[in-house]
Amino acid sequence: MPTYDYQCKECGHAFELFQQMSDSVKKKCPECGKLKLKRLIGSGAGVMFKGSGFYETDYRSSAYKKDKKEAESSSSSGNSTESAKKSDSKKESKSNTPTPKKD
């Protein structure tokens, strides 16, 4: 349920009212009792997500999480051997280049 801001045109009394969207707009000021109450247009509120349950990974089964960990560990170990192979090939390519001769 939203919170609405109201202000009386007669006495200037301003307040917030927590009411349902389907409720009618209030017209009578609680301070002066006159029918000069106006509902103000608010800037709105941002949506705030607190707690768990907002990410797809929060709902995953334990079997899925286990398989994902295994896949990550095998891919990370595979990446380290690939990077080692690349560094070895760079060393080999440097050693195969001819050095310029000095006269």
PDB file of N, CA and C in Angstrom:
ATOM      1  N   MET A   1       0.842  -1.181   0.000  1.00  0.00           N
ATOM      2  CA  MET A   1       0.000   0.000   0.000  1.00  0.00           C
ATOM      3  C   MET A   1       0.885   1.241   0.000  1.00  0.00           C
ATOM      4  N   PRO A   2       0.538   2.203  -0.808  1.00  0.00           N
ATOM      5  CA  PRO A   2       1.366   3.409  -0.898  1.00  0.00           C
ATOM      6  C   PRO A   2       1.073   4.425   0.210  1.00  0.00           C
ATOM      7  N   THR A   3       1.999   5.321   0.382  1.00  0.00           N
ATOM      8  CA  THR A   3       1.846   6.441   1.303  1.00  0.00           C
ATOM      9  C   THR A   3       1.599   7.684   0.474  1.00  0.00           C
ATOM     10  N   TYR A   4       0.541   8.405   0.789  1.00  0.00           N
ATOM     11  CA  TYR A   4       0.184   9.619   0.053  1.00  0.00           C
ATOM     12  C   TYR A   4       0.458  10.845   0.915  1.00  0.00           C
ATOM     13  N   ASP A   5       0.884  11.919   0.268  1.00  0.00           N
ATOM     14  CA  ASP A   5       1.094  13.198   0.939  1.00  0.00           C
ATOM     15  C   ASP A   5      -0.146  14.052   0.733  1.00  0.00           C
ATOM     16  N   TYR A   6      -0.592  14.677   1.794  1.00  0.00           N
ATOM     17  CA  TYR A   6      -1.746  15.582   1.744  1.00  0.00           C
ATOM     18  C   TYR A   6      -1.347  16.914   2.342  1.00  0.00           C
ATOM     19  N   GLN A   7      -2.001  17.988   1.845  1.00  0.00           N
ATOM     20  CA  GLN A   7      -1.784  19.313   2.405  1.00  0.00           C
ATOM     21  C   GLN A   7      -3.098  20.090   2.349  1.00  0.00           C
ATOM     22  N   CYS A   8      -3.397  20.793   3.418  1.00  0.00           N
ATOM     23  CA  CYS A   8      -4.615  21.590   3.499  1.00  0.00           C
ATOM     24  C   CYS A   8      -4.344  22.960   2.880  1.00  0.00           C
ATOM     25  N   LYS A   9      -5.235  23.392   1.992  1.00  0.00           N
ATOM     26  CA  LYS A   9      -5.097  24.707   1.357  1.00  0.00           C
ATOM     27  C   LYS A   9      -5.465  25.827   2.331  1.00  0.00           C
ATOM     28  N   GLU A  10      -6.259  25.506   3.326  1.00  0.00           N
ATOM     29  CA  GLU A  10      -6.733  26.518   4.267  1.00  0.00           C
ATOM     30  C   GLU A  10      -5.706  26.815   5.359  1.00  0.00           C
ATOM     31  N   CYS A  11      -5.303  25.774   6.101  1.00  0.00           N
ATOM     32  CA  CYS A  11      -4.403  25.994   7.247  1.00  0.00           C
ATOM     33  C   CYS A  11      -2.948  25.627   6.955  1.00  0.00           C
ATOM     34  N   GLY A  12      -2.685  24.948   5.834  1.00  0.00           N
ATOM     35  CA  GLY A  12      -1.317  24.592   5.464  1.00  0.00           C
ATOM     36  C   GLY A  12      -0.806  23.318   6.118  1.00  0.00           C
ATOM     37  N   HIS A  13      -1.647  22.652   6.880  1.00  0.00           N
ATOM     38  CA  HIS A  13      -1.236  21.402   7.547  1.00  0.00           C
ATOM     39  C   HIS A  13      -0.883  20.350   6.495  1.00  0.00           C
ATOM     40  N   ALA A  14       0.297  19.730   6.633  1.00  0.00           N
ATOM     41  CA  ALA A  14       0.753  18.692   5.705  1.00  0.00           C
ATOM     42  C   ALA A  14       1.015  17.414   6.475  1.00  0.00           C
ATOM     43  N   PHE A  15       0.659  16.287   5.877  1.00  0.00           N
ATOM     44  CA  PHE A  15       0.866  14.998   6.524  1.00  0.00           C
ATOM     45  C   PHE A  15       0.880  13.898   5.479  1.00  0.00           C
ATOM     46  N   GLU A  16       1.336  12.726   5.903  1.00  0.00           N
ATOM     47  CA  GLU A  16       1.353  11.537   5.056  1.00  0.00           C
ATOM     48  C   GLU A  16       0.264  10.590   5.532  1.00  0.00           C
ATOM     49  N   LEU A  17      -0.367   9.907   4.583  1.00  0.00           N
ATOM     50  CA  LEU A  17      -1.410   8.956   4.919  1.00  0.00           C
ATOM     51  C   LEU A  17      -1.149   7.650   4.187  1.00  0.00           C
ATOM     52  N   PHE A  18      -1.112   6.576   4.939  1.00  0.00           N
ATOM     53  CA  PHE A  18      -0.885   5.238   4.401  1.00  0.00           C
ATOM     54  C   PHE A  18      -2.250   4.638   4.083  1.00  0.00           C
ATOM     55  N   GLN A  19      -2.573   4.521   2.786  1.00  0.00           N
ATOM     56  CA  GLN A  19      -3.882   4.018   2.402  1.00  0.00           C
ATOM     57  C   GLN A  19      -3.801   3.207   1.116  1.00  0.00           C
ATOM     58  N   GLN A  20      -4.840   2.417   0.874  1.00  0.00           N
ATOM     59  CA  GLN A  20      -4.881   1.599  -0.334  1.00  0.00           C
ATOM     60  C   GLN A  20      -5.110   2.476  -1.555  1.00  0.00           C
ATOM     61  N   MET A  21      -4.696   1.957  -2.708  1.00  0.00           N
ATOM     62  CA  MET A  21      -4.882   2.706  -3.947  1.00  0.00           C
ATOM     63  C   MET A  21      -6.365   2.859  -4.284  1.00  0.00           C
ATOM     64  N   SER A  22      -7.179   1.906  -3.867  1.00  0.00           N
ATOM     65  CA  SER A  22      -8.607   1.937  -4.173  1.00  0.00           C
ATOM     66  C   SER A  22      -9.384   2.870  -3.239  1.00  0.00           C
ATOM     67  N   ASP A  23      -8.763   3.333  -2.134  1.00  0.00           N
ATOM     68  CA  ASP A  23      -9.438   4.258  -1.217  1.00  0.00           C
ATOM     69  C   ASP A  23      -9.657   5.606  -1.887  1.00  0.00           C
ATOM     70  N   SER A  24     -10.722   6.278  -1.497  1.00  0.00           N
ATOM     71  CA  SER A  24     -11.015   7.595  -2.069  1.00  0.00           C
ATOM     72  C   SER A  24     -10.053   8.641  -1.510  1.00  0.00           C
ATOM     73  N   VAL A  25      -9.893   9.722  -2.268  1.00  0.00           N
ATOM     74  CA  VAL A  25      -9.025  10.815  -1.857  1.00  0.00           C
ATOM     75  C   VAL A  25      -9.679  11.524  -0.677  1.00  0.00           C
ATOM     76  N   LYS A  26      -8.901  11.780   0.373  1.00  0.00           N
ATOM     77  CA  LYS A  26      -9.427  12.470   1.555  1.00  0.00           C
ATOM     78  C   LYS A  26      -9.614  13.944   1.234  1.00  0.00           C
ATOM     79  N   LYS A  27     -10.687  14.531   1.763  1.00  0.00           N
ATOM     80  CA  LYS A  27     -10.984  15.928   1.482  1.00  0.00           C
ATOM     81  C   LYS A  27     -11.026  16.783   2.742  1.00  0.00           C
ATOM     82  N   LYS A  28     -11.260  16.164   3.901  1.00  0.00           N
ATOM     83  CA  LYS A  28     -11.409  16.912   5.144  1.00  0.00           C
ATOM     84  C   LYS A  28     -10.094  16.935   5.911  1.00  0.00           C
ATOM     85  N   CYS A  29      -9.649  18.144   6.262  1.00  0.00           N
ATOM     86  CA  CYS A  29      -8.404  18.321   7.005  1.00  0.00           C
ATOM     87  C   CYS A  29      -8.609  17.884   8.451  1.00  0.00           C
ATOM     88  N   PRO A  30      -7.692  17.058   9.007  1.00  0.00           N
ATOM     89  CA  PRO A  30      -7.830  16.627  10.395  1.00  0.00           C
ATOM     90  C   PRO A  30      -7.534  17.755  11.401  1.00  0.00           C
ATOM     91  N   GLU A  31      -6.857  18.811  10.981  1.00  0.00           N
ATOM     92  CA  GLU A  31      -6.514  19.924  11.879  1.00  0.00           C
ATOM     93  C   GLU A  31      -7.642  20.947  11.982  1.00  0.00           C
ATOM     94  N   CYS A  32      -8.027  21.521  10.822  1.00  0.00           N
ATOM     95  CA  CYS A  32      -9.023  22.588  10.844  1.00  0.00           C
ATOM     96  C   CYS A  32     -10.440  22.099  10.541  1.00  0.00           C
ATOM     97  N   GLY A  33     -10.580  20.896   9.980  1.00  0.00           N
ATOM     98  CA  GLY A  33     -11.890  20.320   9.702  1.00  0.00           C
ATOM     99  C   GLY A  33     -12.550  20.822   8.428  1.00  0.00           C
ATOM    100  N   LYS A  34     -11.856  21.638   7.652  1.00  0.00           N
ATOM    101  CA  LYS A  34     -12.436  22.174   6.417  1.00  0.00           C
ATOM    102  C   LYS A  34     -12.162  21.226   5.255  1.00  0.00           C
ATOM    103  N   LEU A  35     -12.979  21.333   4.233  1.00  0.00           N
ATOM    104  CA  LEU A  35     -12.858  20.465   3.049  1.00  0.00           C
ATOM    105  C   LEU A  35     -11.897  21.059   2.023  1.00  0.00           C
ATOM    106  N   LYS A  36     -10.707  21.381   2.445  1.00  0.00           N
ATOM    107  CA  LYS A  36      -9.703  22.003   1.579  1.00  0.00           C
ATOM    108  C   LYS A  36      -8.442  21.149   1.436  1.00  0.00           C
ATOM    109  N   LEU A  37      -8.552  19.875   1.685  1.00  0.00           N
ATOM    110  CA  LEU A  37      -7.398  18.969   1.634  1.00  0.00           C
ATOM    111  C   LEU A  37      -7.096  18.580   0.201  1.00  0.00           C
ATOM    112  N   LYS A  38      -5.825  18.574  -0.140  1.00  0.00           N
ATOM    113  CA  LYS A  38      -5.406  18.215  -1.494  1.00  0.00           C
ATOM    114  C   LYS A  38      -4.322  17.155  -1.415  1.00  0.00           C
ATOM    115  N   ARG A  39      -4.463  16.136  -2.252  1.00  0.00           N
ATOM    116  CA  ARG A  39      -3.429  15.101  -2.311  1.00  0.00           C
ATOM    117  C   ARG A  39      -2.324  15.592  -3.234  1.00  0.00           C
ATOM    118  N   LEU A  40      -1.103  15.541  -2.760  1.00  0.00           N
ATOM    119  CA  LEU A  40       0.053  16.026  -3.515  1.00  0.00           C
ATOM    120  C   LEU A  40       0.629  14.917  -4.380  1.00  0.00           C
ATOM    121  N   ILE A  41       1.252  15.314  -5.452  1.00  0.00           N
ATOM    122  CA  ILE A  41       1.928  14.361  -6.332  1.00  0.00           C
ATOM    123  C   ILE A  41       3.329  14.156  -5.786  1.00  0.00           C
ATOM    124  N   GLY A  42       3.634  12.925  -5.449  1.00  0.00           N
ATOM    125  CA  GLY A  42       4.943  12.606  -4.887  1.00  0.00           C
ATOM    126  C   GLY A  42       5.932  12.203  -5.961  1.00  0.00           C
ATOM    127  N   SER A  43       7.178  12.172  -5.574  1.00  0.00           N
ATOM    128  CA  SER A  43       8.233  11.769  -6.512  1.00  0.00           C
ATOM    129  C   SER A  43       8.313  10.262  -6.655  1.00  0.00           C
ATOM    130  N   GLY A  44       7.598   9.546  -5.804  1.00  0.00           N
ATOM    131  CA  GLY A  44       7.662   8.090  -5.862  1.00  0.00           C
ATOM    132  C   GLY A  44       8.827   7.578  -5.052  1.00  0.00           C
ATOM    133  N   ALA A  45       8.857   6.309  -4.877  1.00  0.00           N
ATOM    134  CA  ALA A  45       9.932   5.694  -4.097  1.00  0.00           C
ATOM    135  C   ALA A  45      10.623   4.653  -4.955  1.00  0.00           C
ATOM    136  N   GLY A  46      11.898   4.503  -4.737  1.00  0.00           N
ATOM    137  CA  GLY A  46      12.655   3.477  -5.443  1.00  0.00           C
ATOM    138  C   GLY A  46      12.332   2.107  -4.887  1.00  0.00           C
ATOM    139  N   VAL A  47      12.476   1.125  -5.696  1.00  0.00           N
ATOM    140  CA  VAL A  47      12.235  -0.240  -5.253  1.00  0.00           C
ATOM    141  C   VAL A  47      13.485  -0.730  -4.535  1.00  0.00           C
ATOM    142  N   MET A  48      13.291  -1.269  -3.357  1.00  0.00           N
ATOM    143  CA  MET A  48      14.419  -1.769  -2.578  1.00  0.00           C
ATOM    144  C   MET A  48      14.250  -3.268  -2.381  1.00  0.00           C
ATOM    145  N   PHE A  49      15.253  -4.015  -2.774  1.00  0.00           N
ATOM    146  CA  PHE A  49      15.252  -5.459  -2.605  1.00  0.00           C
ATOM    147  C   PHE A  49      16.171  -5.790  -1.448  1.00  0.00           C
ATOM    148  N   LYS A  50      15.600  -6.377  -0.409  1.00  0.00           N
ATOM    149  CA  LYS A  50      16.406  -6.753   0.755  1.00  0.00           C
ATOM    150  C   LYS A  50      16.278  -8.244   0.971  1.00  0.00           C
ATOM    151  N   GLY A  51      17.350  -8.859   1.395  1.00  0.00           N
ATOM    152  CA  GLY A  51      17.327 -10.281   1.697  1.00  0.00           C
ATOM    153  C   GLY A  51      17.664 -11.131   0.495  1.00  0.00           C
ATOM    154  N   SER A  52      17.568 -12.428   0.678  1.00  0.00           N
ATOM    155  CA  SER A  52      17.896 -13.344  -0.413  1.00  0.00           C
ATOM    156  C   SER A  52      16.659 -13.641  -1.240  1.00  0.00           C
ATOM    157  N   GLY A  53      16.864 -14.266  -2.375  1.00  0.00           N
ATOM    158  CA  GLY A  53      15.742 -14.675  -3.202  1.00  0.00           C
ATOM    159  C   GLY A  53      15.560 -13.845  -4.449  1.00  0.00           C
ATOM    160  N   PHE A  54      16.499 -12.960  -4.763  1.00  0.00           N
ATOM    161  CA  PHE A  54      16.334 -12.104  -5.919  1.00  0.00           C
ATOM    162  C   PHE A  54      17.241 -12.479  -7.084  1.00  0.00           C
ATOM    163  N   TYR A  55      18.059 -13.487  -6.908  1.00  0.00           N
ATOM    164  CA  TYR A  55      18.943 -13.910  -7.969  1.00  0.00           C
ATOM    165  C   TYR A  55      18.632 -15.353  -8.324  1.00  0.00           C
ATOM    166  N   GLU A  56      18.822 -15.691  -9.573  1.00  0.00           N
ATOM    167  CA  GLU A  56      18.502 -17.059  -9.991  1.00  0.00           C
ATOM    168  C   GLU A  56      19.363 -18.090  -9.277  1.00  0.00           C
ATOM    169  N   THR A  57      20.550 -17.691  -8.851  1.00  0.00           N
ATOM    170  CA  THR A  57      21.425 -18.635  -8.153  1.00  0.00           C
ATOM    171  C   THR A  57      20.917 -18.955  -6.753  1.00  0.00           C
ATOM    172  N   ASP A  58      20.029 -18.127  -6.214  1.00  0.00           N
ATOM    173  CA  ASP A  58      19.466 -18.411  -4.895  1.00  0.00           C
ATOM    174  C   ASP A  58      18.545 -19.614  -4.926  1.00  0.00           C
ATOM    175  N   TYR A  59      18.013 -19.947  -6.079  1.00  0.00           N
ATOM    176  CA  TYR A  59      17.048 -21.030  -6.189  1.00  0.00           C
ATOM    177  C   TYR A  59      17.648 -22.319  -6.733  1.00  0.00           C
ATOM    178  N   ARG A  60      18.921 -22.339  -6.988  1.00  0.00           N
ATOM    179  CA  ARG A  60      19.545 -23.513  -7.583  1.00  0.00           C
ATOM    180  C   ARG A  60      19.626 -24.660  -6.584  1.00  0.00           C
ATOM    181  N   SER A  61      19.544 -25.856  -7.114  1.00  0.00           N
ATOM    182  CA  SER A  61      19.648 -27.040  -6.263  1.00  0.00           C
ATOM    183  C   SER A  61      21.107 -27.265  -5.881  1.00  0.00           C
ATOM    184  N   SER A  62      21.312 -28.062  -4.864  1.00  0.00           N
ATOM    185  CA  SER A  62      22.678 -28.333  -4.418  1.00  0.00           C
ATOM    186  C   SER A  62      23.449 -29.117  -5.479  1.00  0.00           C
ATOM    187  N   ALA A  63      22.744 -29.983  -6.248  1.00  0.00           N
ATOM    188  CA  ALA A  63      23.404 -30.740  -7.319  1.00  0.00           C
ATOM    189  C   ALA A  63      23.908 -29.794  -8.408  1.00  0.00           C
ATOM    190  N   TYR A  64      23.123 -28.774  -8.738  1.00  0.00           N
ATOM    191  CA  TYR A  64      23.538 -27.805  -9.755  1.00  0.00           C
ATOM    192  C   TYR A  64      24.773 -27.040  -9.277  1.00  0.00           C
ATOM    193  N   LYS A  65      24.741 -26.608  -8.008  1.00  0.00           N
ATOM    194  CA  LYS A  65      25.873 -25.864  -7.471  1.00  0.00           C
ATOM    195  C   LYS A  65      27.145 -26.712  -7.471  1.00  0.00           C
ATOM    196  N   LYS A  66      26.995 -28.005  -7.143  1.00  0.00           N
ATOM    197  CA  LYS A  66      28.145 -28.918  -7.122  1.00  0.00           C
ATOM    198  C   LYS A  66      28.725 -29.072  -8.518  1.00  0.00           C
ATOM    199  N   ASP A  67      27.849 -29.284  -9.520  1.00  0.00           N
ATOM    200  CA  ASP A  67      28.308 -29.437 -10.902  1.00  0.00           C
ATOM    201  C   ASP A  67      28.985 -28.164 -11.394  1.00  0.00           C
ATOM    202  N   LYS A  68      28.447 -27.020 -11.016  1.00  0.00           N
ATOM    203  CA  LYS A  68      29.031 -25.746 -11.449  1.00  0.00           C
ATOM    204  C   LYS A  68      30.425 -25.565 -10.854  1.00  0.00           C
ATOM    205  N   LYS A  69      30.588 -25.911  -9.574  1.00  0.00           N
ATOM    206  CA  LYS A  69      31.905 -25.797  -8.941  1.00  0.00           C
ATOM    207  C   LYS A  69      32.918 -26.707  -9.624  1.00  0.00           C
ATOM    208  N   GLU A  70      32.491 -27.925  -9.960  1.00  0.00           N
ATOM    209  CA  GLU A  70      33.390 -28.857 -10.643  1.00  0.00           C
ATOM    210  C   GLU A  70      33.771 -28.334 -12.021  1.00  0.00           C
ATOM    211  N   ALA A  71      32.810 -27.775 -12.725  1.00  0.00           N
ATOM    212  CA  ALA A  71      33.090 -27.237 -14.056  1.00  0.00           C
ATOM    213  C   ALA A  71      34.048 -26.055 -13.976  1.00  0.00           C
ATOM    214  N   GLU A  72      33.851 -25.190 -12.973  1.00  0.00           N
ATOM    215  CA  GLU A  72      34.742 -24.036 -12.809  1.00  0.00           C
ATOM    216  C   GLU A  72      36.146 -24.465 -12.452  1.00  0.00           C
ATOM    217  N   SER A  73      36.265 -25.462 -11.584  1.00  0.00           N
ATOM    218  CA  SER A  73      37.604 -25.902 -11.177  1.00  0.00           C
ATOM    219  C   SER A  73      38.333 -26.567 -12.342  1.00  0.00           C
ATOM    220  N   SER A  74      37.614 -27.329 -13.165  1.00  0.00           N
ATOM    221  CA  SER A  74      38.275 -27.973 -14.304  1.00  0.00           C
ATOM    222  C   SER A  74      38.631 -26.943 -15.379  1.00  0.00           C
ATOM    223  N   SER A  75      37.796 -25.938 -15.574  1.00  0.00           N
ATOM    224  CA  SER A  75      38.109 -24.926 -16.586  1.00  0.00           C
ATOM    225  C   SER A  75      39.236 -24.026 -16.111  1.00  0.00           C
ATOM    226  N   SER A  76      39.301 -23.727 -14.806  1.00  0.00           N
ATOM    227  CA  SER A  76      40.388 -22.885 -14.313  1.00  0.00           C
ATOM    228  C   SER A  76      41.722 -23.620 -14.383  1.00  0.00           C
ATOM    229  N   SER A  77      41.721 -24.919 -14.116  1.00  0.00           N
ATOM    230  CA  SER A  77      42.978 -25.669 -14.220  1.00  0.00           C
ATOM    231  C   SER A  77      43.366 -25.819 -15.687  1.00  0.00           C
ATOM    232  N   GLY A  78      42.387 -25.921 -16.564  1.00  0.00           N
ATOM    233  CA  GLY A  78      42.659 -25.989 -17.996  1.00  0.00           C
ATOM    234  C   GLY A  78      43.211 -24.677 -18.508  1.00  0.00           C
ATOM    235  N   ASN A  79      42.732 -23.572 -17.985  1.00  0.00           N
ATOM    236  CA  ASN A  79      43.226 -22.264 -18.399  1.00  0.00           C
ATOM    237  C   ASN A  79      44.658 -22.052 -17.963  1.00  0.00           C
ATOM    238  N   SER A  80      45.046 -22.549 -16.790  1.00  0.00           N
ATOM    239  CA  SER A  80      46.411 -22.349 -16.322  1.00  0.00           C
ATOM    240  C   SER A  80      47.390 -23.156 -17.175  1.00  0.00           C
ATOM    241  N   THR A  81      47.000 -24.356 -17.620  1.00  0.00           N
ATOM    242  CA  THR A  81      47.902 -25.131 -18.471  1.00  0.00           C
ATOM    243  C   THR A  81      47.991 -24.506 -19.855  1.00  0.00           C
ATOM    244  N   GLU A  82      46.886 -23.927 -20.330  1.00  0.00           N
ATOM    245  CA  GLU A  82      46.924 -23.258 -21.638  1.00  0.00           C
ATOM    246  C   GLU A  82      47.818 -22.035 -21.585  1.00  0.00           C
ATOM    247  N   SER A  83      47.736 -21.265 -20.491  1.00  0.00           N
ATOM    248  CA  SER A  83      48.584 -20.076 -20.391  1.00  0.00           C
ATOM    249  C   SER A  83      50.048 -20.483 -20.276  1.00  0.00           C
ATOM    250  N   ALA A  84      50.339 -21.613 -19.621  1.00  0.00           N
ATOM    251  CA  ALA A  84      51.715 -22.095 -19.522  1.00  0.00           C
ATOM    252  C   ALA A  84      52.217 -22.506 -20.907  1.00  0.00           C
ATOM    253  N   LYS A  85      51.356 -23.141 -21.697  1.00  0.00           N
ATOM    254  CA  LYS A  85      51.741 -23.539 -23.050  1.00  0.00           C
ATOM    255  C   LYS A  85      52.038 -22.313 -23.907  1.00  0.00           C
ATOM    256  N   LYS A  86      51.221 -21.266 -23.754  1.00  0.00           N
ATOM    257  CA  LYS A  86      51.431 -20.041 -24.536  1.00  0.00           C
ATOM    258  C   LYS A  86      52.757 -19.390 -24.175  1.00  0.00           C
ATOM    259  N   SER A  87      53.067 -19.343 -22.873  1.00  0.00           N
ATOM    260  CA  SER A  87      54.328 -18.722 -22.463  1.00  0.00           C
ATOM    261  C   SER A  87      55.515 -19.546 -22.954  1.00  0.00           C
ATOM    262  N   ASP A  88      55.388 -20.890 -22.977  1.00  0.00           N
ATOM    263  CA  ASP A  88      56.446 -21.742 -23.502  1.00  0.00           C
ATOM    264  C   ASP A  88      56.634 -21.513 -24.991  1.00  0.00           C
ATOM    265  N   SER A  89      55.546 -21.359 -25.725  1.00  0.00           N
ATOM    266  CA  SER A  89      55.662 -21.149 -27.168  1.00  0.00           C
ATOM    267  C   SER A  89      56.286 -19.789 -27.463  1.00  0.00           C
ATOM    268  N   LYS A  90      56.039 -18.789 -26.607  1.00  0.00           N
ATOM    269  CA  LYS A  90      56.664 -17.478 -26.797  1.00  0.00           C
ATOM    270  C   LYS A  90      58.167 -17.584 -26.579  1.00  0.00           C
ATOM    271  N   LYS A  91      58.568 -18.352 -25.577  1.00  0.00           N
ATOM    272  CA  LYS A  91      59.996 -18.533 -25.310  1.00  0.00           C
ATOM    273  C   LYS A  91      60.678 -19.223 -26.480  1.00  0.00           C
ATOM    274  N   GLU A  92      59.996 -20.244 -27.043  1.00  0.00           N
ATOM    275  CA  GLU A  92      60.566 -20.967 -28.168  1.00  0.00           C
ATOM    276  C   GLU A  92      60.697 -20.075 -29.385  1.00  0.00           C
ATOM    277  N   SER A  93      59.683 -19.248 -29.636  1.00  0.00           N
ATOM    278  CA  SER A  93      59.732 -18.390 -30.816  1.00  0.00           C
ATOM    279  C   SER A  93      60.846 -17.358 -30.681  1.00  0.00           C
ATOM    280  N   LYS A  94      61.126 -16.904 -29.463  1.00  0.00           N
ATOM    281  CA  LYS A  94      62.216 -15.959 -29.257  1.00  0.00           C
ATOM    282  C   LYS A  94      63.566 -16.637 -29.467  1.00  0.00           C
ATOM    283  N   SER A  95      63.692 -17.888 -29.050  1.00  0.00           N
ATOM    284  CA  SER A  95      64.977 -18.574 -29.182  1.00  0.00           C
ATOM    285  C   SER A  95      65.246 -18.957 -30.640  1.00  0.00           C
ATOM    286  N   ASN A  96      64.198 -19.124 -31.469  1.00  0.00           N
ATOM    287  CA  ASN A  96      64.368 -19.492 -32.870  1.00  0.00           C
ATOM    288  C   ASN A  96      64.703 -18.304 -33.763  1.00  0.00           C
ATOM    289  N   THR A  97      64.542 -17.102 -33.274  1.00  0.00           N
ATOM    290  CA  THR A  97      64.856 -15.938 -34.119  1.00  0.00           C
ATOM    291  C   THR A  97      66.346 -15.786 -34.202  1.00  0.00           C
ATOM    292  N   PRO A  98      66.831 -15.528 -35.415  1.00  0.00           N
ATOM    293  CA  PRO A  98      68.294 -15.360 -35.561  1.00  0.00           C
ATOM    294  C   PRO A  98      68.750 -14.057 -34.957  1.00  0.00           C
ATOM    295  N   THR A  99      69.941 -14.118 -34.347  1.00  0.00           N
ATOM    296  CA  THR A  99      70.517 -12.901 -33.764  1.00  0.00           C
ATOM    297  C   THR A  99      71.363 -12.235 -34.826  1.00  0.00           C
ATOM    298  N   PRO A 100      71.319 -10.946 -34.891  1.00  0.00           N
ATOM    299  CA  PRO A 100      72.125 -10.251 -35.902  1.00  0.00           C
ATOM    300  C   PRO A 100      73.618 -10.413 -35.618  1.00  0.00           C
ATOM    301  N   LYS A 101      74.380 -10.609 -36.689  1.00  0.00           N
ATOM    302  CA  LYS A 101      75.825 -10.791 -36.544  1.00  0.00           C
ATOM    303  C   LYS A 101      76.524  -9.443 -36.526  1.00  0.00           C
ATOM    304  N   LYS A 102      77.535  -9.340 -35.685  1.00  0.00           N
ATOM    305  CA  LYS A 102      78.299  -8.110 -35.618  1.00  0.00           C
ATOM    306  C   LYS A 102      79.538  -8.282 -36.492  1.00  0.00           C
ATOM    307  N   ASP A 103      79.845  -7.304 -37.262  1.00  0.00           N
ATOM    308  CA  ASP A 103      81.022  -7.377 -38.143  1.00  0.00           C
ATOM    309  C   ASP A 103      82.234  -6.782 -37.534  1.00  0.00           C
TER     310      ASP A 103
END
